[in-house]
Amino acid sequence: QVQLVESGGGLVQAGGSLGLSCAASGRTFGYYAMGWFRQAPGKEREFVAAISRTGGRAYYADSVKARFTISRDNAKNTMYLQMNSLKPEDTAVYYCAAALTTTLTTYYLDRGKYDYWGQGTQVTVSL
């Protein structure tokens, strides 16, 4: 079992940057592909980015491509999301998730394919 804890959320002005972290418990972090999802009020939880077990492959939602960067440090059991050029429409609760898989494919853009979730961290982007 994996426990995930997000941190780094907060309030930032449009055009600013923010970095999120997702700390995982246990010694099997490297067995999991990881993802970031977000949920705005009144909307469904949507895919943001995902990264393979080794960090060699990543996928991004079109809405964040070229602005957000996902990364991971398996030695620290931690995944990151660097968010630049933030927009008000990026405002949401951001969740990290883990999927036990050997290969990251577009299959893992679906939130239903993840096994474990964190509690979420709020990101608010003001005008």
N, C-alpha and C. Protein backbone atom coordinates (compact mmCIF):
# COMPACT_ATOMS: atom_id res chain seq x y z
N GLN A 1 0.85 -1.19 0.00
CA GLN A 1 0.00 0.00 0.00
C GLN A 1 0.88 1.24 0.00
N VAL A 2 0.39 2.30 -0.63
CA VAL A 2 1.12 3.56 -0.73
C VAL A 2 0.27 4.67 -0.17
N GLN A 3 0.86 5.49 0.66
CA GLN A 3 0.18 6.69 1.15
C GLN A 3 0.83 7.91 0.51
N LEU A 4 0.00 8.82 0.02
CA LEU A 4 0.47 9.98 -0.72
C LEU A 4 0.04 11.26 -0.02
N VAL A 5 0.97 12.20 0.09
CA VAL A 5 0.68 13.48 0.73
C VAL A 5 1.18 14.61 -0.16
N GLU A 6 0.25 15.44 -0.62
CA GLU A 6 0.60 16.58 -1.45
C GLU A 6 0.93 17.79 -0.57
N SER A 7 1.77 18.66 -1.10
CA SER A 7 2.08 19.92 -0.44
C SER A 7 2.49 20.94 -1.49
N GLY A 8 2.50 22.21 -1.07
CA GLY A 8 2.98 23.25 -1.95
C GLY A 8 1.92 24.12 -2.57
N GLY A 9 0.67 23.80 -2.33
CA GLY A 9 -0.39 24.63 -2.87
C GLY A 9 -0.44 26.00 -2.21
N GLY A 10 -1.23 26.89 -2.80
CA GLY A 10 -1.36 28.22 -2.24
C GLY A 10 -2.01 29.18 -3.21
N LEU A 11 -1.86 30.46 -2.90
CA LEU A 11 -2.43 31.52 -3.71
C LEU A 11 -1.31 32.21 -4.49
N VAL A 12 -1.53 32.39 -5.78
CA VAL A 12 -0.53 33.02 -6.63
C VAL A 12 -1.24 33.88 -7.66
N GLN A 13 -0.58 34.93 -8.09
CA GLN A 13 -1.16 35.78 -9.13
C GLN A 13 -0.98 35.16 -10.50
N ALA A 14 -1.87 35.51 -11.40
CA ALA A 14 -1.77 35.03 -12.77
C ALA A 14 -0.40 35.40 -13.35
N GLY A 15 0.18 34.43 -14.06
CA GLY A 15 1.51 34.62 -14.61
C GLY A 15 2.61 34.14 -13.70
N GLY A 16 2.26 33.83 -12.46
CA GLY A 16 3.24 33.38 -11.49
C GLY A 16 3.51 31.89 -11.58
N SER A 17 4.32 31.42 -10.63
CA SER A 17 4.72 30.01 -10.60
C SER A 17 4.48 29.41 -9.22
N LEU A 18 4.31 28.11 -9.23
CA LEU A 18 4.10 27.38 -7.98
C LEU A 18 4.61 25.96 -8.19
N GLY A 19 5.19 25.38 -7.15
CA GLY A 19 5.65 24.01 -7.23
C GLY A 19 4.94 23.13 -6.23
N LEU A 20 4.43 22.01 -6.69
CA LEU A 20 3.76 21.04 -5.83
C LEU A 20 4.67 19.84 -5.63
N SER A 21 4.53 19.21 -4.48
CA SER A 21 5.23 17.97 -4.18
C SER A 21 4.24 16.91 -3.75
N CYS A 22 4.59 15.67 -3.99
CA CYS A 22 3.79 14.53 -3.56
C CYS A 22 4.75 13.53 -2.92
N ALA A 23 4.66 13.40 -1.62
CA ALA A 23 5.53 12.49 -0.89
C ALA A 23 4.82 11.16 -0.68
N ALA A 24 5.52 10.08 -0.98
CA ALA A 24 4.95 8.75 -0.87
C ALA A 24 5.61 7.97 0.25
N SER A 25 4.82 7.17 0.92
CA SER A 25 5.34 6.31 1.97
C SER A 25 5.76 4.97 1.37
N GLY A 26 6.50 4.20 2.11
CA GLY A 26 6.85 2.87 1.67
C GLY A 26 8.10 2.83 0.80
N ARG A 27 8.57 1.60 0.53
CA ARG A 27 9.82 1.43 -0.21
C ARG A 27 9.58 1.01 -1.65
N THR A 28 8.32 1.09 -2.11
CA THR A 28 8.00 0.61 -3.45
C THR A 28 7.60 1.75 -4.39
N PHE A 29 7.98 2.98 -4.04
CA PHE A 29 7.59 4.13 -4.87
C PHE A 29 7.99 3.93 -6.32
N GLY A 30 9.14 3.35 -6.54
CA GLY A 30 9.63 3.17 -7.90
C GLY A 30 8.86 2.15 -8.71
N TYR A 31 7.94 1.43 -8.10
CA TYR A 31 7.11 0.47 -8.83
C TYR A 31 5.90 1.14 -9.49
N TYR A 32 5.66 2.40 -9.13
CA TYR A 32 4.42 3.06 -9.52
C TYR A 32 4.64 4.15 -10.55
N ALA A 33 3.81 4.14 -11.57
CA ALA A 33 3.66 5.34 -12.37
C ALA A 33 2.84 6.33 -11.55
N MET A 34 3.10 7.60 -11.75
CA MET A 34 2.46 8.63 -10.93
C MET A 34 1.75 9.65 -11.80
N GLY A 35 0.71 10.22 -11.24
CA GLY A 35 -0.03 11.23 -11.99
C GLY A 35 -0.48 12.38 -11.12
N TRP A 36 -0.73 13.50 -11.78
CA TRP A 36 -1.37 14.65 -11.16
C TRP A 36 -2.72 14.87 -11.82
N PHE A 37 -3.72 15.10 -11.01
CA PHE A 37 -5.05 15.42 -11.47
C PHE A 37 -5.51 16.68 -10.73
N ARG A 38 -6.55 17.31 -11.24
CA ARG A 38 -7.09 18.47 -10.56
C ARG A 38 -8.60 18.51 -10.69
N GLN A 39 -9.21 19.16 -9.71
CA GLN A 39 -10.67 19.27 -9.71
C GLN A 39 -11.06 20.67 -9.28
N ALA A 40 -11.72 21.37 -10.18
CA ALA A 40 -12.25 22.69 -9.89
C ALA A 40 -13.68 22.56 -9.38
N PRO A 41 -14.17 23.54 -8.65
CA PRO A 41 -15.54 23.46 -8.13
C PRO A 41 -16.56 23.23 -9.23
N GLY A 42 -17.41 22.25 -9.03
CA GLY A 42 -18.46 21.95 -9.98
C GLY A 42 -18.02 21.20 -11.21
N LYS A 43 -16.75 20.81 -11.24
CA LYS A 43 -16.24 20.09 -12.41
C LYS A 43 -15.71 18.73 -12.02
N GLU A 44 -15.55 17.87 -13.01
CA GLU A 44 -14.99 16.55 -12.76
C GLU A 44 -13.47 16.65 -12.58
N ARG A 45 -12.94 15.66 -11.89
CA ARG A 45 -11.50 15.59 -11.73
C ARG A 45 -10.88 15.28 -13.09
N GLU A 46 -9.87 16.08 -13.46
CA GLU A 46 -9.29 15.92 -14.79
C GLU A 46 -7.79 15.66 -14.72
N PHE A 47 -7.32 15.01 -15.75
CA PHE A 47 -5.91 14.67 -15.87
C PHE A 47 -5.08 15.94 -16.10
N VAL A 48 -3.92 15.99 -15.44
CA VAL A 48 -2.98 17.08 -15.64
C VAL A 48 -1.68 16.57 -16.27
N ALA A 49 -1.06 15.58 -15.62
CA ALA A 49 0.21 15.06 -16.10
C ALA A 49 0.45 13.70 -15.47
N ALA A 50 1.29 12.90 -16.13
CA ALA A 50 1.67 11.60 -15.60
C ALA A 50 3.11 11.33 -15.96
N ILE A 51 3.76 10.50 -15.14
CA ILE A 51 5.17 10.19 -15.34
C ILE A 51 5.40 8.71 -15.09
N SER A 52 6.29 8.12 -15.86
CA SER A 52 6.57 6.70 -15.74
C SER A 52 7.40 6.40 -14.49
N ARG A 53 7.59 5.14 -14.22
CA ARG A 53 8.30 4.73 -13.00
C ARG A 53 9.70 5.30 -12.92
N THR A 54 10.38 5.35 -14.05
CA THR A 54 11.76 5.84 -14.05
C THR A 54 11.86 7.33 -14.35
N GLY A 55 10.74 7.92 -14.74
CA GLY A 55 10.76 9.33 -15.13
C GLY A 55 11.10 9.57 -16.59
N GLY A 56 11.25 8.49 -17.34
CA GLY A 56 11.67 8.63 -18.72
C GLY A 56 10.57 8.99 -19.69
N ARG A 57 9.32 8.84 -19.24
CA ARG A 57 8.19 9.18 -20.11
C ARG A 57 7.20 10.00 -19.32
N ALA A 58 6.62 10.98 -19.99
CA ALA A 58 5.61 11.82 -19.34
C ALA A 58 4.53 12.20 -20.34
N TYR A 59 3.35 12.40 -19.83
CA TYR A 59 2.23 12.90 -20.63
C TYR A 59 1.67 14.14 -19.95
N TYR A 60 1.14 15.04 -20.76
CA TYR A 60 0.54 16.27 -20.24
C TYR A 60 -0.81 16.52 -20.92
N ALA A 61 -1.71 17.09 -20.16
CA ALA A 61 -2.93 17.61 -20.76
C ALA A 61 -2.58 18.77 -21.67
N ASP A 62 -3.32 18.94 -22.74
CA ASP A 62 -3.04 20.03 -23.68
C ASP A 62 -3.09 21.39 -22.99
N SER A 63 -3.96 21.51 -22.00
CA SER A 63 -4.15 22.79 -21.34
C SER A 63 -2.95 23.24 -20.50
N VAL A 64 -2.06 22.30 -20.18
CA VAL A 64 -0.91 22.66 -19.34
C VAL A 64 0.42 22.44 -20.05
N LYS A 65 0.38 21.86 -21.22
CA LYS A 65 1.61 21.55 -21.95
C LYS A 65 2.41 22.82 -22.15
N ALA A 66 3.71 22.73 -21.96
CA ALA A 66 4.67 23.82 -22.10
C ALA A 66 4.63 24.79 -20.92
N ARG A 67 3.70 24.61 -20.00
CA ARG A 67 3.67 25.46 -18.79
C ARG A 67 4.00 24.66 -17.53
N PHE A 68 3.59 23.40 -17.49
CA PHE A 68 3.80 22.55 -16.32
C PHE A 68 4.87 21.50 -16.64
N THR A 69 5.62 21.10 -15.61
CA THR A 69 6.61 20.05 -15.75
C THR A 69 6.48 19.07 -14.59
N ILE A 70 6.30 17.81 -14.94
CA ILE A 70 6.22 16.75 -13.94
C ILE A 70 7.59 16.08 -13.83
N SER A 71 7.96 15.73 -12.61
CA SER A 71 9.24 15.04 -12.40
C SER A 71 9.13 14.19 -11.14
N ARG A 72 10.12 13.38 -10.92
CA ARG A 72 10.12 12.54 -9.72
C ARG A 72 11.54 12.25 -9.29
N ASP A 73 11.70 11.97 -8.01
CA ASP A 73 12.98 11.57 -7.43
C ASP A 73 12.71 10.30 -6.63
N ASN A 74 13.03 9.16 -7.22
CA ASN A 74 12.70 7.89 -6.56
C ASN A 74 13.51 7.69 -5.29
N ALA A 75 14.67 8.29 -5.20
CA ALA A 75 15.48 8.16 -3.98
C ALA A 75 14.82 8.89 -2.81
N LYS A 76 14.01 9.90 -3.13
CA LYS A 76 13.31 10.67 -2.09
C LYS A 76 11.84 10.31 -2.00
N ASN A 77 11.40 9.32 -2.78
CA ASN A 77 9.98 8.92 -2.78
C ASN A 77 9.07 10.12 -3.01
N THR A 78 9.44 10.98 -3.93
CA THR A 78 8.69 12.21 -4.13
C THR A 78 8.50 12.52 -5.61
N MET A 79 7.33 13.02 -5.92
CA MET A 79 7.00 13.48 -7.27
C MET A 79 6.73 14.98 -7.19
N TYR A 80 6.97 15.67 -8.30
CA TYR A 80 6.83 17.12 -8.31
C TYR A 80 5.99 17.57 -9.50
N LEU A 81 5.43 18.75 -9.35
CA LEU A 81 4.77 19.42 -10.47
C LEU A 81 5.15 20.89 -10.41
N GLN A 82 5.96 21.32 -11.36
CA GLN A 82 6.33 22.73 -11.45
C GLN A 82 5.35 23.40 -12.39
N MET A 83 4.69 24.42 -11.88
CA MET A 83 3.65 25.10 -12.64
C MET A 83 4.08 26.54 -12.90
N ASN A 84 4.23 26.88 -14.17
CA ASN A 84 4.62 28.23 -14.58
C ASN A 84 3.51 28.88 -15.39
N SER A 85 3.61 30.19 -15.52
CA SER A 85 2.62 30.95 -16.32
C SER A 85 1.20 30.58 -15.93
N LEU A 86 0.95 30.57 -14.65
CA LEU A 86 -0.36 30.13 -14.16
C LEU A 86 -1.47 31.06 -14.59
N LYS A 87 -2.63 30.46 -14.81
CA LYS A 87 -3.82 31.18 -15.25
C LYS A 87 -4.94 30.96 -14.23
N PRO A 88 -5.90 31.86 -14.17
CA PRO A 88 -7.02 31.66 -13.24
C PRO A 88 -7.72 30.32 -13.45
N GLU A 89 -7.76 29.85 -14.68
CA GLU A 89 -8.43 28.56 -14.95
C GLU A 89 -7.64 27.37 -14.43
N ASP A 90 -6.44 27.58 -13.92
CA ASP A 90 -5.68 26.51 -13.26
C ASP A 90 -6.11 26.33 -11.81
N THR A 91 -6.97 27.21 -11.32
CA THR A 91 -7.44 27.11 -9.95
C THR A 91 -8.21 25.81 -9.74
N ALA A 92 -7.77 25.04 -8.75
CA ALA A 92 -8.38 23.72 -8.48
C ALA A 92 -7.70 23.10 -7.27
N VAL A 93 -8.28 22.01 -6.81
CA VAL A 93 -7.57 21.14 -5.87
C VAL A 93 -6.77 20.16 -6.71
N TYR A 94 -5.49 20.07 -6.41
CA TYR A 94 -4.59 19.20 -7.15
C TYR A 94 -4.32 17.94 -6.34
N TYR A 95 -4.47 16.79 -7.02
CA TYR A 95 -4.29 15.50 -6.39
C TYR A 95 -3.15 14.73 -7.06
N CYS A 96 -2.37 14.02 -6.28
CA CYS A 96 -1.43 13.09 -6.87
C CYS A 96 -2.00 11.68 -6.73
N ALA A 97 -1.58 10.82 -7.62
CA ALA A 97 -2.10 9.46 -7.66
C ALA A 97 -1.01 8.51 -8.11
N ALA A 98 -1.15 7.24 -7.70
CA ALA A 98 -0.16 6.22 -8.02
C ALA A 98 -0.85 5.04 -8.69
N ALA A 99 -0.20 4.50 -9.72
CA ALA A 99 -0.72 3.34 -10.43
C ALA A 99 0.38 2.29 -10.50
N LEU A 100 0.03 1.08 -10.05
CA LEU A 100 1.00 -0.01 -10.08
C LEU A 100 1.04 -0.58 -11.48
N THR A 101 2.07 -0.21 -12.23
CA THR A 101 2.19 -0.64 -13.61
C THR A 101 3.66 -0.60 -14.02
N THR A 102 4.01 -1.46 -14.97
CA THR A 102 5.39 -1.47 -15.46
C THR A 102 5.58 -0.49 -16.60
N THR A 103 4.50 -0.08 -17.24
CA THR A 103 4.60 0.77 -18.43
C THR A 103 3.58 1.90 -18.38
N LEU A 104 4.02 3.11 -18.59
CA LEU A 104 3.10 4.23 -18.67
C LEU A 104 2.63 4.39 -20.11
N THR A 105 1.33 4.33 -20.31
CA THR A 105 0.75 4.57 -21.62
C THR A 105 -0.38 5.58 -21.46
N THR A 106 -1.03 5.92 -22.56
CA THR A 106 -2.14 6.88 -22.49
C THR A 106 -3.31 6.30 -21.72
N TYR A 107 -3.31 5.03 -21.47
CA TYR A 107 -4.30 4.37 -20.59
C TYR A 107 -4.36 5.09 -19.25
N TYR A 108 -3.24 5.64 -18.81
CA TYR A 108 -3.17 6.24 -17.48
C TYR A 108 -3.50 7.72 -17.49
N LEU A 109 -4.11 8.19 -18.52
CA LEU A 109 -4.71 9.52 -18.51
C LEU A 109 -6.09 9.47 -17.85
N ASP A 110 -6.58 8.27 -17.63
CA ASP A 110 -7.88 8.02 -17.03
C ASP A 110 -7.74 7.90 -15.52
N ARG A 111 -8.43 8.74 -14.79
CA ARG A 111 -8.29 8.73 -13.32
C ARG A 111 -8.73 7.41 -12.71
N GLY A 112 -9.55 6.66 -13.41
CA GLY A 112 -10.02 5.38 -12.90
C GLY A 112 -8.96 4.29 -12.88
N LYS A 113 -7.82 4.56 -13.49
CA LYS A 113 -6.78 3.54 -13.59
C LYS A 113 -5.74 3.65 -12.46
N TYR A 114 -5.95 4.56 -11.53
CA TYR A 114 -5.00 4.76 -10.45
C TYR A 114 -5.45 4.03 -9.19
N ASP A 115 -4.46 3.56 -8.43
CA ASP A 115 -4.74 2.72 -7.27
C ASP A 115 -4.79 3.50 -5.96
N TYR A 116 -4.01 4.56 -5.87
CA TYR A 116 -3.92 5.31 -4.62
C TYR A 116 -3.96 6.81 -4.92
N TRP A 117 -4.54 7.55 -3.97
CA TRP A 117 -4.71 9.00 -4.13
C TRP A 117 -4.29 9.72 -2.85
N GLY A 118 -3.79 10.93 -3.05
CA GLY A 118 -3.56 11.81 -1.92
C GLY A 118 -4.81 12.58 -1.57
N GLN A 119 -4.70 13.44 -0.57
CA GLN A 119 -5.86 14.17 -0.07
C GLN A 119 -6.09 15.48 -0.83
N GLY A 120 -5.12 15.91 -1.59
CA GLY A 120 -5.27 17.11 -2.41
C GLY A 120 -4.68 18.35 -1.77
N THR A 121 -4.30 19.31 -2.60
CA THR A 121 -3.80 20.59 -2.14
C THR A 121 -4.40 21.68 -3.03
N GLN A 122 -4.85 22.76 -2.41
CA GLN A 122 -5.55 23.81 -3.14
C GLN A 122 -4.56 24.74 -3.83
N VAL A 123 -4.83 25.01 -5.09
CA VAL A 123 -4.09 26.01 -5.86
C VAL A 123 -5.09 27.05 -6.34
N THR A 124 -4.84 28.29 -5.98
CA THR A 124 -5.72 29.38 -6.39
C THR A 124 -4.90 30.42 -7.14
N VAL A 125 -5.35 30.74 -8.35
CA VAL A 125 -4.66 31.72 -9.19
C VAL A 125 -5.57 32.94 -9.34
N SER A 126 -5.10 34.07 -8.87
CA SER A 126 -5.90 35.29 -8.94
C SER A 126 -5.49 36.14 -10.12
N LEU A 127 -6.40 37.01 -10.53
CA LEU A 127 -6.12 37.91 -11.66
C LEU A 127 -5.14 38.99 -11.24
